Amino acid sequence: MIKIYTINLFTENARREKILSLAKKLELPIKIENAIIGSNLSKEYLDNLTNESIDKIGRNLSPGEVGCYLSHIKCLKNFLSSGDEFAIILEDDVTLDYRIKDFISTIEFKETTLFFDVMLLGYRNGYGSYWGKKKWNSHKLLRFPDCGYGAHAYLVTRKGAEKIVYNNAIPIWPYDYVTGGRADKTIRVYGVEKKIVDLDFYNSSCSSLEAERNYLGAYSSEYKVKTPFVLYVLKKLIKGLKPIRVYK
């Protein structure tokens, strides 16, 4: 069965126990990966990233964002050291149910041709494109007109992991800009039309990383003031009709 790498700060015992308990009930093979603590990184290292981050996104990354980024890179390196074709990467602020088990059961191994590198199993924004939809096994997949925000749950192929590890190992962007397709246009990103993994609202909104982002003014789209419904529908229509690149 496909391996599930779950990033967890060693200080977050409750989260770790909760996700291990859910995995046990669902009979899922979860591997806990100790997260890299951003506040333990040297000031010199963090300062060296600042100029390029400001150039790319208009601000520096918080220590927590850098630690999060490096934790994902660590998981992908461990995946590449295995002989597996796919891996699922999770953050510990998600909740799991039967949907992920059903999804895993549909994965066919030894596929020779794959049209995606990263498949988001959950994402924050609801603005999918009307163009470029595909089907993989029994799952309807969509593209994103801008970026598929949210790196809390994704399936990654070996080729996708190689693109991230070899070409995007330095934390310049928030990590979900990488898995969302904004940072590296060569990464072929799709999302499941019907989300398979959801964020645990309390754990996600109350996390130290979220607090750092709020301090920097980089609010997560899911927790901003809600857009009026009519404007949301209009925005969804406009974004959905926006032309998208054809993946090579």
Protein backbone atom coordinates (compact mmCIF):
# COMPACT_ATOMS: atom_id res chain seq x y z
CA MET A 1 0.00 0.00 0.00
CA ILE A 2 1.08 3.56 -0.67
CA LYS A 3 3.01 5.24 2.16
CA ILE A 4 1.57 8.30 3.89
CA TYR A 5 4.15 10.73 5.27
CA THR A 6 2.70 12.99 7.96
CA ILE A 7 4.58 16.08 9.11
CA ASN A 8 4.30 16.72 12.84
CA LEU A 9 6.12 18.95 15.32
CA PHE A 10 7.38 16.80 18.18
CA THR A 11 5.78 19.26 20.60
CA GLU A 12 2.32 18.69 19.08
CA ASN A 13 1.51 15.47 20.92
CA ALA A 14 -2.28 15.83 20.69
CA ARG A 15 -2.20 16.24 16.93
CA ARG A 16 0.12 13.28 16.53
CA GLU A 17 -2.03 11.02 18.69
CA LYS A 18 -5.20 12.11 16.91
CA ILE A 19 -3.94 11.42 13.40
CA LEU A 20 -2.37 8.11 14.45
CA SER A 21 -5.69 7.10 16.00
CA LEU A 22 -7.59 7.99 12.82
CA ALA A 23 -5.06 6.12 10.70
CA LYS A 24 -5.35 3.04 12.90
CA LYS A 25 -9.14 2.99 12.56
CA LEU A 26 -8.81 3.30 8.78
CA GLU A 27 -5.90 0.80 8.63
CA LEU A 28 -3.67 3.31 6.89
CA PRO A 29 0.15 3.02 6.98
CA ILE A 30 1.13 6.44 8.31
CA LYS A 31 4.75 7.41 8.88
CA ILE A 32 5.29 10.37 11.20
CA GLU A 33 7.99 12.76 10.00
CA ASN A 34 9.40 15.13 12.61
CA ALA A 35 8.94 18.67 11.37
CA ILE A 36 11.83 21.08 11.12
CA ILE A 37 11.34 23.88 13.64
CA GLY A 38 11.77 27.19 11.87
CA SER A 39 12.61 29.14 15.02
CA ASN A 40 15.64 26.88 15.51
CA LEU A 41 17.12 27.88 12.15
CA SER A 42 19.96 30.38 12.25
CA LYS A 43 19.23 34.07 11.68
CA GLU A 44 21.93 34.11 9.01
CA TYR A 45 20.18 31.34 7.08
CA LEU A 46 16.80 33.06 7.32
CA ASP A 47 18.23 36.46 6.37
CA ASN A 48 19.82 34.99 3.25
CA LEU A 49 16.35 34.05 2.00
CA THR A 50 14.78 37.44 2.61
CA ASN A 51 15.72 39.43 -0.50
CA GLU A 52 14.53 36.83 -2.98
CA SER A 53 11.32 36.22 -1.03
CA ILE A 54 10.56 39.94 -1.01
CA ASP A 55 11.21 40.02 -4.76
CA LYS A 56 8.87 37.08 -5.38
CA ILE A 57 6.00 37.64 -2.93
CA GLY A 58 6.57 41.10 -1.49
CA ARG A 59 7.52 39.94 2.01
CA ASN A 60 9.90 37.67 3.86
CA LEU A 61 8.86 34.16 4.86
CA SER A 62 8.25 33.60 8.55
CA PRO A 63 10.52 31.09 10.35
CA GLY A 64 7.53 28.76 10.59
CA GLU A 65 6.95 28.93 6.83
CA VAL A 66 10.61 28.11 6.19
CA GLY A 67 10.47 25.18 8.61
CA CYS A 68 7.28 23.94 6.95
CA TYR A 69 8.90 24.15 3.52
CA LEU A 70 12.01 22.26 4.60
CA SER A 71 9.87 19.62 6.31
CA HIS A 72 8.12 18.87 3.03
CA ILE A 73 11.45 18.68 1.21
CA LYS A 74 12.65 16.21 3.86
CA CYS A 75 9.56 14.03 3.27
CA LEU A 76 10.06 14.08 -0.49
CA LYS A 77 13.71 13.07 -0.13
CA ASN A 78 12.67 10.13 2.04
CA PHE A 79 10.07 9.18 -0.57
CA LEU A 80 12.66 9.32 -3.36
CA SER A 81 14.99 7.08 -1.36
CA SER A 82 12.29 4.40 -1.47
CA GLY A 83 11.32 2.44 -4.54
CA ASP A 84 7.75 3.70 -4.46
CA GLU A 85 6.02 5.35 -7.41
CA PHE A 86 3.67 7.52 -5.35
CA ALA A 87 3.50 9.03 -1.89
CA ILE A 88 0.88 10.93 0.02
CA ILE A 89 2.13 13.87 2.09
CA LEU A 90 -0.03 15.19 4.93
CA GLU A 91 0.30 17.93 7.50
CA ASP A 92 -0.94 17.15 10.98
CA ASP A 93 -3.78 19.68 10.96
CA VAL A 94 -5.98 17.52 8.74
CA THR A 95 -8.78 15.14 9.56
CA LEU A 96 -9.06 11.74 7.89
CA ASP A 97 -12.06 9.60 7.02
CA TYR A 98 -13.14 6.82 4.66
CA ARG A 99 -12.56 9.03 1.58
CA ILE A 100 -8.78 8.74 1.72
CA LYS A 101 -8.94 4.98 2.18
CA ASP A 102 -11.28 4.66 -0.80
CA PHE A 103 -8.98 6.89 -2.84
CA ILE A 104 -5.90 4.80 -2.07
CA SER A 105 -7.73 1.63 -3.08
CA THR A 106 -8.22 3.04 -6.59
CA ILE A 107 -4.53 3.72 -7.24
CA GLU A 108 -3.07 1.46 -9.89
CA PHE A 109 0.65 0.97 -9.58
CA LYS A 110 3.15 0.48 -12.41
CA GLU A 111 1.51 3.14 -14.55
CA THR A 112 3.82 4.07 -17.39
CA THR A 113 2.32 7.43 -18.35
CA LEU A 114 1.07 10.01 -15.87
CA PHE A 115 -0.24 13.43 -16.82
CA PHE A 116 0.28 14.96 -13.36
CA ASP A 117 3.14 15.50 -10.92
CA VAL A 118 1.13 16.66 -7.92
CA MET A 119 -2.51 15.96 -7.12
CA LEU A 120 -4.02 18.05 -4.36
CA LEU A 121 -6.35 15.96 -2.19
CA GLY A 122 -7.47 19.10 -0.38
CA TYR A 123 -7.03 22.81 -1.04
CA ARG A 124 -8.14 26.10 0.47
CA ASN A 125 -9.53 28.03 -2.48
CA GLY A 126 -12.59 26.95 -4.40
CA TYR A 127 -11.68 28.56 -7.70
CA GLY A 128 -11.15 25.73 -10.14
CA SER A 129 -10.77 26.18 -13.88
CA TYR A 130 -13.47 25.16 -16.33
CA TRP A 131 -10.69 24.14 -18.70
CA GLY A 132 -8.29 21.21 -18.67
CA LYS A 133 -10.35 18.80 -16.58
CA LYS A 134 -9.29 15.16 -16.69
CA LYS A 135 -10.15 11.83 -15.16
CA TRP A 136 -7.72 9.52 -13.38
CA ASN A 137 -9.05 6.12 -12.45
CA SER A 138 -12.49 7.01 -11.06
CA HIS A 139 -11.57 10.53 -9.95
CA LYS A 140 -12.48 13.76 -11.71
CA LEU A 141 -9.58 16.21 -11.61
CA LEU A 142 -9.47 19.93 -12.18
CA ARG A 143 -6.86 22.59 -12.87
CA PHE A 144 -6.43 25.89 -11.04
CA PRO A 145 -6.48 29.25 -12.87
CA ASP A 146 -3.93 30.79 -10.49
CA CYS A 147 -2.70 28.50 -7.74
CA GLY A 148 -4.04 25.54 -5.81
CA TYR A 149 -3.44 26.87 -2.31
CA GLY A 150 -2.94 24.28 0.38
CA ALA A 151 -0.13 21.77 0.86
CA HIS A 152 -1.87 19.97 3.71
CA ALA A 153 -2.70 16.88 1.63
CA TYR A 154 -1.33 15.82 -1.75
CA LEU A 155 -0.36 12.83 -3.82
CA VAL A 156 3.01 13.17 -5.50
CA THR A 157 4.72 11.10 -8.18
CA ARG A 158 8.43 10.37 -8.31
CA LYS A 159 8.82 12.81 -11.18
CA GLY A 160 6.95 15.45 -9.23
CA ALA A 161 9.10 14.91 -6.14
CA GLU A 162 12.25 15.18 -8.27
CA LYS A 163 11.10 18.49 -9.76
CA ILE A 164 10.50 19.89 -6.29
CA VAL A 165 13.62 18.51 -4.58
CA TYR A 166 16.07 19.24 -7.41
CA ASN A 167 14.67 22.57 -8.64
CA ASN A 168 12.84 24.07 -5.67
CA ALA A 169 14.73 23.00 -2.55
CA ILE A 170 15.40 26.55 -1.32
CA PRO A 171 12.50 28.17 0.60
CA ILE A 172 11.70 31.34 -1.32
CA TRP A 173 7.93 30.99 -1.56
CA PRO A 174 5.37 29.57 0.86
CA TYR A 175 5.44 25.84 0.15
CA ASP A 176 1.87 25.72 -1.16
CA TYR A 177 2.98 28.00 -4.01
CA VAL A 178 5.14 25.06 -5.11
CA THR A 179 2.53 22.32 -4.85
CA GLY A 180 -0.08 24.77 -6.16
CA GLY A 181 1.81 25.40 -9.40
CA ARG A 182 2.64 29.08 -8.92
CA ALA A 183 6.35 28.82 -8.11
CA ASP A 184 7.40 26.36 -10.82
CA LYS A 185 5.39 26.23 -14.03
CA THR A 186 6.90 22.86 -14.98
CA ILE A 187 5.10 21.12 -12.11
CA ARG A 188 1.83 19.69 -13.44
CA VAL A 189 -0.74 20.28 -10.72
CA TYR A 190 -4.28 18.96 -10.55
CA GLY A 191 -6.77 18.74 -7.72
CA VAL A 192 -9.51 16.26 -7.03
CA GLU A 193 -12.85 17.86 -7.88
CA LYS A 194 -14.39 16.42 -4.73
CA LYS A 195 -11.95 17.02 -1.88
CA ILE A 196 -10.73 13.91 -0.10
CA VAL A 197 -8.90 15.42 2.90
CA ASP A 198 -10.19 18.36 4.94
CA LEU A 199 -8.42 20.68 7.32
CA ASP A 200 -9.28 20.43 10.98
CA PHE A 201 -10.59 23.98 11.38
CA TYR A 202 -9.44 24.47 14.97
CA ASN A 203 -5.95 23.00 14.56
CA SER A 204 -5.32 24.83 11.31
CA SER A 205 -6.63 28.26 12.32
CA CYS A 206 -4.96 28.16 15.75
CA SER A 207 -1.56 26.94 14.59
CA SER A 208 1.63 28.89 15.28
CA LEU A 209 2.29 29.03 11.53
CA GLU A 210 -1.09 30.65 10.94
CA ALA A 211 -0.33 33.17 13.68
CA GLU A 212 2.98 34.06 12.01
CA ARG A 213 1.26 34.51 8.64
CA ASN A 214 -1.38 36.74 10.19
CA TYR A 215 1.34 38.85 11.79
CA LEU A 216 2.94 39.29 8.36
CA GLY A 217 -0.42 40.12 6.80
CA ALA A 218 -0.44 36.91 4.76
CA TYR A 219 -3.83 35.59 5.79
CA SER A 220 -4.96 32.21 4.54
CA SER A 221 -7.85 32.63 2.13
CA GLU A 222 -10.07 30.21 4.03
CA TYR A 223 -10.05 32.35 7.16
CA LYS A 224 -10.50 35.80 5.68
CA VAL A 225 -13.78 37.65 6.04
CA LYS A 226 -16.30 35.76 3.96
CA THR A 227 -16.99 37.16 0.48
CA PRO A 228 -20.67 37.95 -0.20
CA PHE A 229 -22.22 35.04 -2.09
CA VAL A 230 -23.01 36.99 -5.27
CA LEU A 231 -19.44 38.31 -5.49
CA TYR A 232 -18.08 34.82 -4.80
CA VAL A 233 -20.12 33.35 -7.67
CA LEU A 234 -19.02 36.14 -10.01
CA LYS A 235 -15.38 35.75 -9.03
CA LYS A 236 -15.60 31.97 -9.45
CA LEU A 237 -17.05 32.41 -12.94
CA ILE A 238 -14.39 34.93 -14.00
CA LYS A 239 -11.53 32.86 -12.62
CA GLY A 240 -12.96 29.63 -14.02
CA LEU A 241 -13.05 31.07 -17.55
CA LYS A 242 -9.50 32.42 -17.35
CA PRO A 243 -7.22 30.72 -19.94
CA ILE A 244 -4.72 28.22 -18.53
CA ARG A 245 -1.42 26.89 -19.80
CA VAL A 246 -1.29 23.57 -21.59
CA TYR A 247 0.96 21.17 -19.66
CA LYS A 248 3.76 19.53 -21.61
